[in-house]
Amino acid sequence: LSGVNVPTLKELGIDVVIGNWRGVYGAPGITPEQR
């Protein structure tokens, strides 16, 4: 990571890469125009 001096799992010989994404949802039943 930028500016972070911490090794990746891959650097340590452990072939694991996984990200945590975030998003937003709207309410059920809104119209296409409202969406």
Full PDB file with SEQRES, HELIX, SHEET, SSBOND, CRYST1, ORIGX, SCALE, CONECT and MASTER records, all heavy atoms in Angstrom:
SEQRES   1 A   35  LEU SER GLY VAL ASN VAL PRO THR LEU LYS GLU LEU GLY          
SEQRES   2 A   35  ILE ASP VAL VAL ILE GLY ASN TRP ARG GLY VAL TYR GLY          
SEQRES   3 A   35  ALA PRO GLY ILE THR PRO GLU GLN ARG                          
CRYST1    1.000    1.000    1.000  90.00  90.00  90.00 P 1           1          
ORIGX1      1.000000  0.000000  0.000000        0.00000                         
ORIGX2      0.000000  1.000000  0.000000        0.00000                         
ORIGX3      0.000000  0.000000  1.000000        0.00000                         
SCALE1      1.000000  0.000000  0.000000        0.00000                         
SCALE2      0.000000  1.000000  0.000000        0.00000                         
SCALE3      0.000000  0.000000  1.000000        0.00000                         
ATOM      1  N   LEU A   1       0.833  -1.189   0.000  1.00  0.00           N  
ATOM      2  CA  LEU A   1       0.000   0.000   0.000  1.00  0.00           C  
ATOM      3  C   LEU A   1       0.873   1.246   0.000  1.00  0.00           C  
ATOM      4  O   LEU A   1       1.947   1.264   0.605  1.00  0.00           O  
ATOM      5  CB  LEU A   1      -0.916  -0.002   1.227  1.00  0.00           C  
ATOM      6  CG  LEU A   1      -1.872  -1.190   1.361  1.00  0.00           C  
ATOM      7  CD1 LEU A   1      -2.672  -1.089   2.662  1.00  0.00           C  
ATOM      8  CD2 LEU A   1      -2.805  -1.272   0.171  1.00  0.00           C  
ATOM      9  N   SER A   2       0.401   2.276  -0.679  1.00  0.00           N  
ATOM     10  CA  SER A   2       1.157   3.519  -0.799  1.00  0.00           C  
ATOM     11  C   SER A   2       1.438   4.131   0.577  1.00  0.00           C  
ATOM     12  O   SER A   2       0.519   4.331   1.383  1.00  0.00           O  
ATOM     13  CB  SER A   2       0.372   4.521  -1.651  1.00  0.00           C  
ATOM     14  OG  SER A   2       1.039   5.752  -1.718  1.00  0.00           O  
ATOM     15  N   GLY A   3       2.700   4.382   0.842  1.00  0.00           N  
ATOM     16  CA  GLY A   3       3.075   5.011   2.094  1.00  0.00           C  
ATOM     17  C   GLY A   3       3.038   4.095   3.300  1.00  0.00           C  
ATOM     18  O   GLY A   3       3.209   4.550   4.438  1.00  0.00           O  
ATOM     19  N   VAL A   4       2.812   2.802   3.083  1.00  0.00           N  
ATOM     20  CA  VAL A   4       2.702   1.847   4.187  1.00  0.00           C  
ATOM     21  C   VAL A   4       3.782   0.782   4.022  1.00  0.00           C  
ATOM     22  O   VAL A   4       3.766   0.010   3.067  1.00  0.00           O  
ATOM     23  CB  VAL A   4       1.303   1.181   4.213  1.00  0.00           C  
ATOM     24  CG1 VAL A   4       1.232   0.133   5.315  1.00  0.00           C  
ATOM     25  CG2 VAL A   4       0.213   2.237   4.406  1.00  0.00           C  
ATOM     26  N   ASN A   5       4.700   0.726   4.961  1.00  0.00           N  
ATOM     27  CA  ASN A   5       5.828  -0.212   4.864  1.00  0.00           C  
ATOM     28  C   ASN A   5       5.474  -1.550   5.523  1.00  0.00           C  
ATOM     29  O   ASN A   5       6.025  -1.927   6.558  1.00  0.00           O  
ATOM     30  CB  ASN A   5       7.074   0.393   5.517  1.00  0.00           C  
ATOM     31  CG  ASN A   5       8.307  -0.458   5.283  1.00  0.00           C  
ATOM     32  OD1 ASN A   5       8.404  -1.167   4.270  1.00  0.00           O  
ATOM     33  ND2 ASN A   5       9.250  -0.404   6.208  1.00  0.00           N  
ATOM     34  N   VAL A   6       4.519  -2.238   4.899  1.00  0.00           N  
ATOM     35  CA  VAL A   6       4.068  -3.539   5.408  1.00  0.00           C  
ATOM     36  C   VAL A   6       4.070  -4.529   4.248  1.00  0.00           C  
ATOM     37  O   VAL A   6       3.537  -4.223   3.175  1.00  0.00           O  
ATOM     38  CB  VAL A   6       2.643  -3.437   6.004  1.00  0.00           C  
ATOM     39  CG1 VAL A   6       2.197  -4.784   6.571  1.00  0.00           C  
ATOM     40  CG2 VAL A   6       2.588  -2.364   7.092  1.00  0.00           C  
ATOM     41  N   PRO A   7       4.663  -5.709   4.419  1.00  0.00           N  
ATOM     42  CA  PRO A   7       4.737  -6.663   3.310  1.00  0.00           C  
ATOM     43  C   PRO A   7       3.382  -7.229   2.919  1.00  0.00           C  
ATOM     44  O   PRO A   7       2.478  -7.345   3.755  1.00  0.00           O  
ATOM     45  CB  PRO A   7       5.653  -7.767   3.853  1.00  0.00           C  
ATOM     46  CG  PRO A   7       5.486  -7.691   5.338  1.00  0.00           C  
ATOM     47  CD  PRO A   7       5.298  -6.234   5.646  1.00  0.00           C  
ATOM     48  N   THR A   8       3.237  -7.555   1.652  1.00  0.00           N  
ATOM     49  CA  THR A   8       2.031  -8.247   1.193  1.00  0.00           C  
ATOM     50  C   THR A   8       2.154  -9.733   1.535  1.00  0.00           C  
ATOM     51  O   THR A   8       3.257 -10.248   1.761  1.00  0.00           O  
ATOM     52  CB  THR A   8       1.854  -8.108  -0.331  1.00  0.00           C  
ATOM     53  OG1 THR A   8       2.926  -8.822  -0.979  1.00  0.00           O  
ATOM     54  CG2 THR A   8       1.876  -6.655  -0.756  1.00  0.00           C  
ATOM     55  N   LEU A   9       1.038 -10.408   1.562  1.00  0.00           N  
ATOM     56  CA  LEU A   9       1.063 -11.858   1.781  1.00  0.00           C  
ATOM     57  C   LEU A   9       1.867 -12.546   0.680  1.00  0.00           C  
ATOM     58  O   LEU A   9       2.597 -13.507   0.942  1.00  0.00           O  
ATOM     59  CB  LEU A   9      -0.371 -12.405   1.832  1.00  0.00           C  
ATOM     60  CG  LEU A   9      -1.171 -12.050   3.090  1.00  0.00           C  
ATOM     61  CD1 LEU A   9      -2.644 -12.393   2.906  1.00  0.00           C  
ATOM     62  CD2 LEU A   9      -0.611 -12.768   4.320  1.00  0.00           C  
ATOM     63  N   LYS A  10       1.729 -12.040  -0.551  1.00  0.00           N  
ATOM     64  CA  LYS A  10       2.462 -12.636  -1.669  1.00  0.00           C  
ATOM     65  C   LYS A  10       3.969 -12.519  -1.465  1.00  0.00           C  
ATOM     66  O   LYS A  10       4.723 -13.437  -1.802  1.00  0.00           O  
ATOM     67  CB  LYS A  10       2.041 -11.985  -2.986  1.00  0.00           C  
ATOM     68  CG  LYS A  10       0.625 -12.321  -3.426  1.00  0.00           C  
ATOM     69  CD  LYS A  10       0.332 -11.883  -4.846  1.00  0.00           C  
ATOM     70  CE  LYS A  10       1.018 -12.792  -5.860  1.00  0.00           C  
ATOM     71  NZ  LYS A  10       0.580 -12.503  -7.244  1.00  0.00           N  
ATOM     72  N   GLU A  11       4.416 -11.387  -0.926  1.00  0.00           N  
ATOM     73  CA  GLU A  11       5.836 -11.224  -0.627  1.00  0.00           C  
ATOM     74  C   GLU A  11       6.326 -12.275   0.356  1.00  0.00           C  
ATOM     75  O   GLU A  11       7.492 -12.699   0.318  1.00  0.00           O  
ATOM     76  CB  GLU A  11       6.103  -9.843  -0.015  1.00  0.00           C  
ATOM     77  CG  GLU A  11       6.164  -8.689  -0.984  1.00  0.00           C  
ATOM     78  CD  GLU A  11       6.505  -7.405  -0.241  1.00  0.00           C  
ATOM     79  OE1 GLU A  11       7.627  -7.300   0.291  1.00  0.00           O  
ATOM     80  OE2 GLU A  11       5.634  -6.509  -0.170  1.00  0.00           O  
ATOM     81  N   LEU A  12       5.429 -12.677   1.244  1.00  0.00           N  
ATOM     82  CA  LEU A  12       5.781 -13.646   2.284  1.00  0.00           C  
ATOM     83  C   LEU A  12       5.611 -15.083   1.810  1.00  0.00           C  
ATOM     84  O   LEU A  12       5.733 -16.016   2.598  1.00  0.00           O  
ATOM     85  CB  LEU A  12       4.914 -13.397   3.527  1.00  0.00           C  
ATOM     86  CG  LEU A  12       5.031 -11.996   4.154  1.00  0.00           C  
ATOM     87  CD1 LEU A  12       4.048 -11.837   5.297  1.00  0.00           C  
ATOM     88  CD2 LEU A  12       6.453 -11.735   4.633  1.00  0.00           C  
ATOM     89  N   GLY A  13       5.318 -15.244   0.523  1.00  0.00           N  
ATOM     90  CA  GLY A  13       5.185 -16.584  -0.044  1.00  0.00           C  
ATOM     91  C   GLY A  13       3.810 -17.190   0.115  1.00  0.00           C  
ATOM     92  O   GLY A  13       3.631 -18.407  -0.090  1.00  0.00           O  
ATOM     93  N   ILE A  14       2.821 -16.358   0.466  1.00  0.00           N  
ATOM     94  CA  ILE A  14       1.441 -16.835   0.635  1.00  0.00           C  
ATOM     95  C   ILE A  14       0.604 -16.206  -0.481  1.00  0.00           C  
ATOM     96  O   ILE A  14       0.339 -15.000  -0.460  1.00  0.00           O  
ATOM     97  CB  ILE A  14       0.877 -16.447   2.017  1.00  0.00           C  
ATOM     98  CG1 ILE A  14       1.808 -16.936   3.131  1.00  0.00           C  
ATOM     99  CG2 ILE A  14      -0.530 -17.025   2.206  1.00  0.00           C  
ATOM    100  CD1 ILE A  14       1.512 -16.324   4.482  1.00  0.00           C  
ATOM    101  N   ASP A  15       0.210 -16.985  -1.445  1.00  0.00           N  
ATOM    102  CA  ASP A  15      -0.440 -16.455  -2.648  1.00  0.00           C  
ATOM    103  C   ASP A  15      -1.916 -16.127  -2.402  1.00  0.00           C  
ATOM    104  O   ASP A  15      -2.822 -16.813  -2.872  1.00  0.00           O  
ATOM    105  CB  ASP A  15      -0.303 -17.462  -3.795  1.00  0.00           C  
ATOM    106  CG  ASP A  15      -0.741 -16.868  -5.135  1.00  0.00           C  
ATOM    107  OD1 ASP A  15      -0.847 -15.626  -5.225  1.00  0.00           O  
ATOM    108  OD2 ASP A  15      -0.980 -17.647  -6.071  1.00  0.00           O  
ATOM    109  N   VAL A  16      -2.143 -15.052  -1.652  1.00  0.00           N  
ATOM    110  CA  VAL A  16      -3.500 -14.603  -1.322  1.00  0.00           C  
ATOM    111  C   VAL A  16      -3.599 -13.099  -1.589  1.00  0.00           C  
ATOM    112  O   VAL A  16      -2.806 -12.323  -1.055  1.00  0.00           O  
ATOM    113  CB  VAL A  16      -3.857 -14.894   0.148  1.00  0.00           C  
ATOM    114  CG1 VAL A  16      -5.191 -14.233   0.514  1.00  0.00           C  
ATOM    115  CG2 VAL A  16      -3.920 -16.396   0.407  1.00  0.00           C  
ATOM    116  N   VAL A  17      -4.564 -12.720  -2.424  1.00  0.00           N  
ATOM    117  CA  VAL A  17      -4.883 -11.314  -2.679  1.00  0.00           C  
ATOM    118  C   VAL A  17      -6.403 -11.189  -2.608  1.00  0.00           C  
ATOM    119  O   VAL A  17      -7.127 -11.898  -3.317  1.00  0.00           O  
ATOM    120  CB  VAL A  17      -4.390 -10.849  -4.064  1.00  0.00           C  
ATOM    121  CG1 VAL A  17      -4.840  -9.405  -4.325  1.00  0.00           C  
ATOM    122  CG2 VAL A  17      -2.880 -10.964  -4.172  1.00  0.00           C  
ATOM    123  N   ILE A  18      -6.888 -10.302  -1.748  1.00  0.00           N  
ATOM    124  CA  ILE A  18      -8.339 -10.132  -1.629  1.00  0.00           C  
ATOM    125  C   ILE A  18      -8.643  -8.696  -1.195  1.00  0.00           C  
ATOM    126  O   ILE A  18      -7.980  -8.154  -0.303  1.00  0.00           O  
ATOM    127  CB  ILE A  18      -8.958 -11.155  -0.642  1.00  0.00           C  
ATOM    128  CG1 ILE A  18     -10.485 -11.008  -0.559  1.00  0.00           C  
ATOM    129  CG2 ILE A  18      -8.310 -11.059   0.741  1.00  0.00           C  
ATOM    130  CD1 ILE A  18     -11.171 -12.126   0.222  1.00  0.00           C  
ATOM    131  N   GLY A  19      -9.617  -8.067  -1.850  1.00  0.00           N  
ATOM    132  CA  GLY A  19      -9.987  -6.690  -1.546  1.00  0.00           C  
ATOM    133  C   GLY A  19     -11.380  -6.593  -0.941  1.00  0.00           C  
ATOM    134  O   GLY A  19     -12.222  -7.465  -1.136  1.00  0.00           O  
ATOM    135  N   ASN A  20     -11.595  -5.520  -0.225  1.00  0.00           N  
ATOM    136  CA  ASN A  20     -12.880  -5.270   0.426  1.00  0.00           C  
ATOM    137  C   ASN A  20     -13.512  -4.025  -0.192  1.00  0.00           C  
ATOM    138  O   ASN A  20     -13.157  -2.904   0.143  1.00  0.00           O  
ATOM    139  CB  ASN A  20     -12.668  -5.070   1.928  1.00  0.00           C  
ATOM    140  CG  ASN A  20     -13.971  -4.819   2.671  1.00  0.00           C  
ATOM    141  OD1 ASN A  20     -15.052  -5.078   2.159  1.00  0.00           O  
ATOM    142  ND2 ASN A  20     -13.872  -4.320   3.886  1.00  0.00           N  
ATOM    143  N   TRP A  21     -14.431  -4.229  -1.150  1.00  0.00           N  
ATOM    144  CA  TRP A  21     -15.067  -3.085  -1.808  1.00  0.00           C  
ATOM    145  C   TRP A  21     -16.321  -2.669  -1.046  1.00  0.00           C  
ATOM    146  O   TRP A  21     -16.913  -3.463  -0.312  1.00  0.00           O  
ATOM    147  CB  TRP A  21     -15.412  -3.430  -3.260  1.00  0.00           C  
ATOM    148  CG  TRP A  21     -16.348  -4.595  -3.418  1.00  0.00           C  
ATOM    149  CD1 TRP A  21     -16.018  -5.916  -3.559  1.00  0.00           C  
ATOM    150  CD2 TRP A  21     -17.785  -4.561  -3.417  1.00  0.00           C  
ATOM    151  NE1 TRP A  21     -17.146  -6.703  -3.653  1.00  0.00           N  
ATOM    152  CE2 TRP A  21     -18.245  -5.888  -3.572  1.00  0.00           C  
ATOM    153  CE3 TRP A  21     -18.715  -3.533  -3.303  1.00  0.00           C  
ATOM    154  CZ2 TRP A  21     -19.599  -6.217  -3.602  1.00  0.00           C  
ATOM    155  CZ3 TRP A  21     -20.077  -3.858  -3.339  1.00  0.00           C  
ATOM    156  CH2 TRP A  21     -20.497  -5.191  -3.490  1.00  0.00           C  
ATOM    157  N   ARG A  22     -16.714  -1.407  -1.240  1.00  0.00           N  
ATOM    158  CA  ARG A  22     -17.921  -0.880  -0.594  1.00  0.00           C  
ATOM    159  C   ARG A  22     -18.748  -0.105  -1.612  1.00  0.00           C  
ATOM    160  O   ARG A  22     -18.208   0.487  -2.539  1.00  0.00           O  
ATOM    161  CB  ARG A  22     -17.565   0.021   0.587  1.00  0.00           C  
ATOM    162  CG  ARG A  22     -16.806  -0.716   1.686  1.00  0.00           C  
ATOM    163  CD  ARG A  22     -16.602   0.132   2.926  1.00  0.00           C  
ATOM    164  NE  ARG A  22     -15.859  -0.634   3.930  1.00  0.00           N  
ATOM    165  CZ  ARG A  22     -14.625  -0.361   4.325  1.00  0.00           C  
ATOM    166  NH1 ARG A  22     -13.993   0.674   3.803  1.00  0.00           N  
ATOM    167  NH2 ARG A  22     -14.028  -1.100   5.232  1.00  0.00           N  
ATOM    168  N   GLY A  23     -20.056  -0.121  -1.419  1.00  0.00           N  
ATOM    169  CA  GLY A  23     -20.946   0.578  -2.327  1.00  0.00           C  
ATOM    170  C   GLY A  23     -22.187   1.066  -1.607  1.00  0.00           C  
ATOM    171  O   GLY A  23     -22.276   0.990  -0.372  1.00  0.00           O  
ATOM    172  N   VAL A  24     -23.141   1.584  -2.370  1.00  0.00           N  
ATOM    173  CA  VAL A  24     -24.403   2.047  -1.801  1.00  0.00           C  
ATOM    174  C   VAL A  24     -25.573   1.513  -2.620  1.00  0.00           C  
ATOM    175  O   VAL A  24     -25.480   1.353  -3.836  1.00  0.00           O  
ATOM    176  CB  VAL A  24     -24.481   3.592  -1.734  1.00  0.00           C  
ATOM    177  CG1 VAL A  24     -23.540   4.133  -0.671  1.00  0.00           C  
ATOM    178  CG2 VAL A  24     -24.167   4.223  -3.083  1.00  0.00           C  
ATOM    179  N   TYR A  25     -26.654   1.211  -1.911  1.00  0.00           N  
ATOM    180  CA  TYR A  25     -27.905   0.749  -2.518  1.00  0.00           C  
ATOM    181  C   TYR A  25     -29.020   1.714  -2.160  1.00  0.00           C  
ATOM    182  O   TYR A  25     -28.959   2.390  -1.115  1.00  0.00           O  
ATOM    183  CB  TYR A  25     -28.269  -0.642  -1.992  1.00  0.00           C  
ATOM    184  CG  TYR A  25     -27.828  -1.795  -2.874  1.00  0.00           C  
ATOM    185  CD1 TYR A  25     -26.510  -1.925  -3.264  1.00  0.00           C  
ATOM    186  CD2 TYR A  25     -28.736  -2.758  -3.311  1.00  0.00           C  
ATOM    187  CE1 TYR A  25     -26.106  -2.994  -4.064  1.00  0.00           C  
ATOM    188  CE2 TYR A  25     -28.340  -3.817  -4.114  1.00  0.00           C  
ATOM    189  CZ  TYR A  25     -27.035  -3.929  -4.488  1.00  0.00           C  
ATOM    190  OH  TYR A  25     -26.641  -4.978  -5.289  1.00  0.00           O  
ATOM    191  N   GLY A  26     -30.019   1.752  -3.019  1.00  0.00           N  
ATOM    192  CA  GLY A  26     -31.216   2.529  -2.749  1.00  0.00           C  
ATOM    193  C   GLY A  26     -32.333   1.624  -2.248  1.00  0.00           C  
ATOM    194  O   GLY A  26     -32.191   0.400  -2.189  1.00  0.00           O  
ATOM    195  N   ALA A  27     -33.452   2.241  -1.924  1.00  0.00           N  
ATOM    196  CA  ALA A  27     -34.588   1.503  -1.361  1.00  0.00           C  
ATOM    197  C   ALA A  27     -35.281   0.622  -2.398  1.00  0.00           C  
ATOM    198  O   ALA A  27     -35.151   0.848  -3.608  1.00  0.00           O  
ATOM    199  CB  ALA A  27     -35.590   2.491  -0.770  1.00  0.00           C  
ATOM    200  N   PRO A  28     -36.028  -0.376  -1.933  1.00  0.00           N  
ATOM    201  CA  PRO A  28     -36.832  -1.170  -2.864  1.00  0.00           C  
ATOM    202  C   PRO A  28     -37.949  -0.320  -3.458  1.00  0.00           C  
ATOM    203  O   PRO A  28     -38.432   0.625  -2.831  1.00  0.00           O  
ATOM    204  CB  PRO A  28     -37.444  -2.265  -1.968  1.00  0.00           C  
ATOM    205  CG  PRO A  28     -36.726  -2.182  -0.662  1.00  0.00           C  
ATOM    206  CD  PRO A  28     -36.210  -0.799  -0.537  1.00  0.00           C  
ATOM    207  N   GLY A  29     -38.353  -0.636  -4.674  1.00  0.00           N  
ATOM    208  CA  GLY A  29     -39.555  -0.048  -5.251  1.00  0.00           C  
ATOM    209  C   GLY A  29     -39.444   1.378  -5.738  1.00  0.00           C  
ATOM    210  O   GLY A  29     -40.468   2.005  -6.042  1.00  0.00           O  
ATOM    211  N   ILE A  30     -38.226   1.924  -5.846  1.00  0.00           N  
ATOM    212  CA  ILE A  30     -38.132   3.272  -6.416  1.00  0.00           C  
ATOM    213  C   ILE A  30     -38.235   3.169  -7.944  1.00  0.00           C  
ATOM    214  O   ILE A  30     -37.923   2.142  -8.538  1.00  0.00           O  
ATOM    215  CB  ILE A  30     -36.834   4.001  -5.996  1.00  0.00           C  
ATOM    216  CG1 ILE A  30     -35.582   3.226  -6.444  1.00  0.00           C  
ATOM    217  CG2 ILE A  30     -36.816   4.218  -4.496  1.00  0.00           C  
ATOM    218  CD1 ILE A  30     -34.278   3.955  -6.156  1.00  0.00           C  
ATOM    219  N   THR A  31     -38.672   4.240  -8.578  1.00  0.00           N  
ATOM    220  CA  THR A  31     -38.871   4.233 -10.028  1.00  0.00           C  
ATOM    221  C   THR A  31     -37.524   4.362 -10.744  1.00  0.00           C  
ATOM    222  O   THR A  31     -36.532   4.802 -10.153  1.00  0.00           O  
ATOM    223  CB  THR A  31     -39.761   5.402 -10.454  1.00  0.00           C  
ATOM    224  OG1 THR A  31     -39.051   6.637 -10.212  1.00  0.00           O  
ATOM    225  CG2 THR A  31     -41.080   5.409  -9.678  1.00  0.00           C  
ATOM    226  N   PRO A  32     -37.468   4.010 -12.040  1.00  0.00           N  
ATOM    227  CA  PRO A  32     -36.232   4.206 -12.808  1.00  0.00           C  
ATOM    228  C   PRO A  32     -35.746   5.651 -12.781  1.00  0.00           C  
ATOM    229  O   PRO A  32     -34.536   5.909 -12.718  1.00  0.00           O  
ATOM    230  CB  PRO A  32     -36.625   3.774 -14.218  1.00  0.00           C  
ATOM    231  CG  PRO A  32     -37.725   2.783 -14.019  1.00  0.00           C  
ATOM    232  CD  PRO A  32     -38.494   3.292 -12.830  1.00  0.00           C  
ATOM    233  N   GLU A  33     -36.683   6.602 -12.802  1.00  0.00           N  
ATOM    234  CA  GLU A  33     -36.314   8.011 -12.760  1.00  0.00           C  
ATOM    235  C   GLU A  33     -35.689   8.367 -11.408  1.00  0.00           C  
ATOM    236  O   GLU A  33     -34.695   9.110 -11.338  1.00  0.00           O  
ATOM    237  CB  GLU A  33     -37.541   8.893 -13.021  1.00  0.00           C  
ATOM    238  CG  GLU A  33     -38.116   8.798 -14.430  1.00  0.00           C  
ATOM    239  CD  GLU A  33     -38.913   7.513 -14.666  1.00  0.00           C  
ATOM    240  OE1 GLU A  33     -39.314   6.860 -13.669  1.00  0.00           O  
ATOM    241  OE2 GLU A  33     -39.129   7.154 -15.842  1.00  0.00           O  
ATOM    242  N   GLN A  34     -36.275   7.851 -10.341  1.00  0.00           N  
ATOM    243  CA  GLN A  34     -35.737   8.109  -9.005  1.00  0.00           C  
ATOM    244  C   GLN A  34     -34.366   7.460  -8.833  1.00  0.00           C  
ATOM    245  O   GLN A  34     -33.464   8.040  -8.224  1.00  0.00           O  
ATOM    246  CB  GLN A  34     -36.715   7.583  -7.944  1.00  0.00           C  
ATOM    247  CG  GLN A  34     -37.992   8.394  -7.843  1.00  0.00           C  
ATOM    248  CD  GLN A  34     -39.035   7.729  -6.973  1.00  0.00           C  
ATOM    249  OE1 GLN A  34     -39.074   6.497  -6.830  1.00  0.00           O  
ATOM    250  NE2 GLN A  34     -39.902   8.525  -6.364  1.00  0.00           N  
ATOM    251  N   ARG A  35     -34.215   6.270  -9.397  1.00  0.00           N  
ATOM    252  CA  ARG A  35     -32.920   5.590  -9.321  1.00  0.00           C  
ATOM    253  C   ARG A  35     -31.843   6.382 -10.052  1.00  0.00           C  
ATOM    254  O   ARG A  35     -30.730   6.540  -9.544  1.00  0.00           O  
ATOM    255  CB  ARG A  35     -33.039   4.177  -9.915  1.00  0.00           C  
ATOM    256  CG  ARG A  35     -31.741   3.385  -9.886  1.00  0.00           C  
ATOM    257  CD  ARG A  35     -31.922   2.013 -10.504  1.00  0.00           C  
ATOM    258  NE  ARG A  35     -30.697   1.233 -10.463  1.00  0.00           N  
ATOM    259  CZ  ARG A  35     -30.580   0.000 -10.956  1.00  0.00           C  
ATOM    260  NH1 ARG A  35     -31.628  -0.595 -11.520  1.00  0.00           N  
ATOM    261  NH2 ARG A  35     -29.429  -0.641 -10.880  1.00  0.00           N  
TER     262      ARG A  35                                                      
MASTER        0    0    0    0    0    0    0    6  261    1    0    3          
END                                                                             
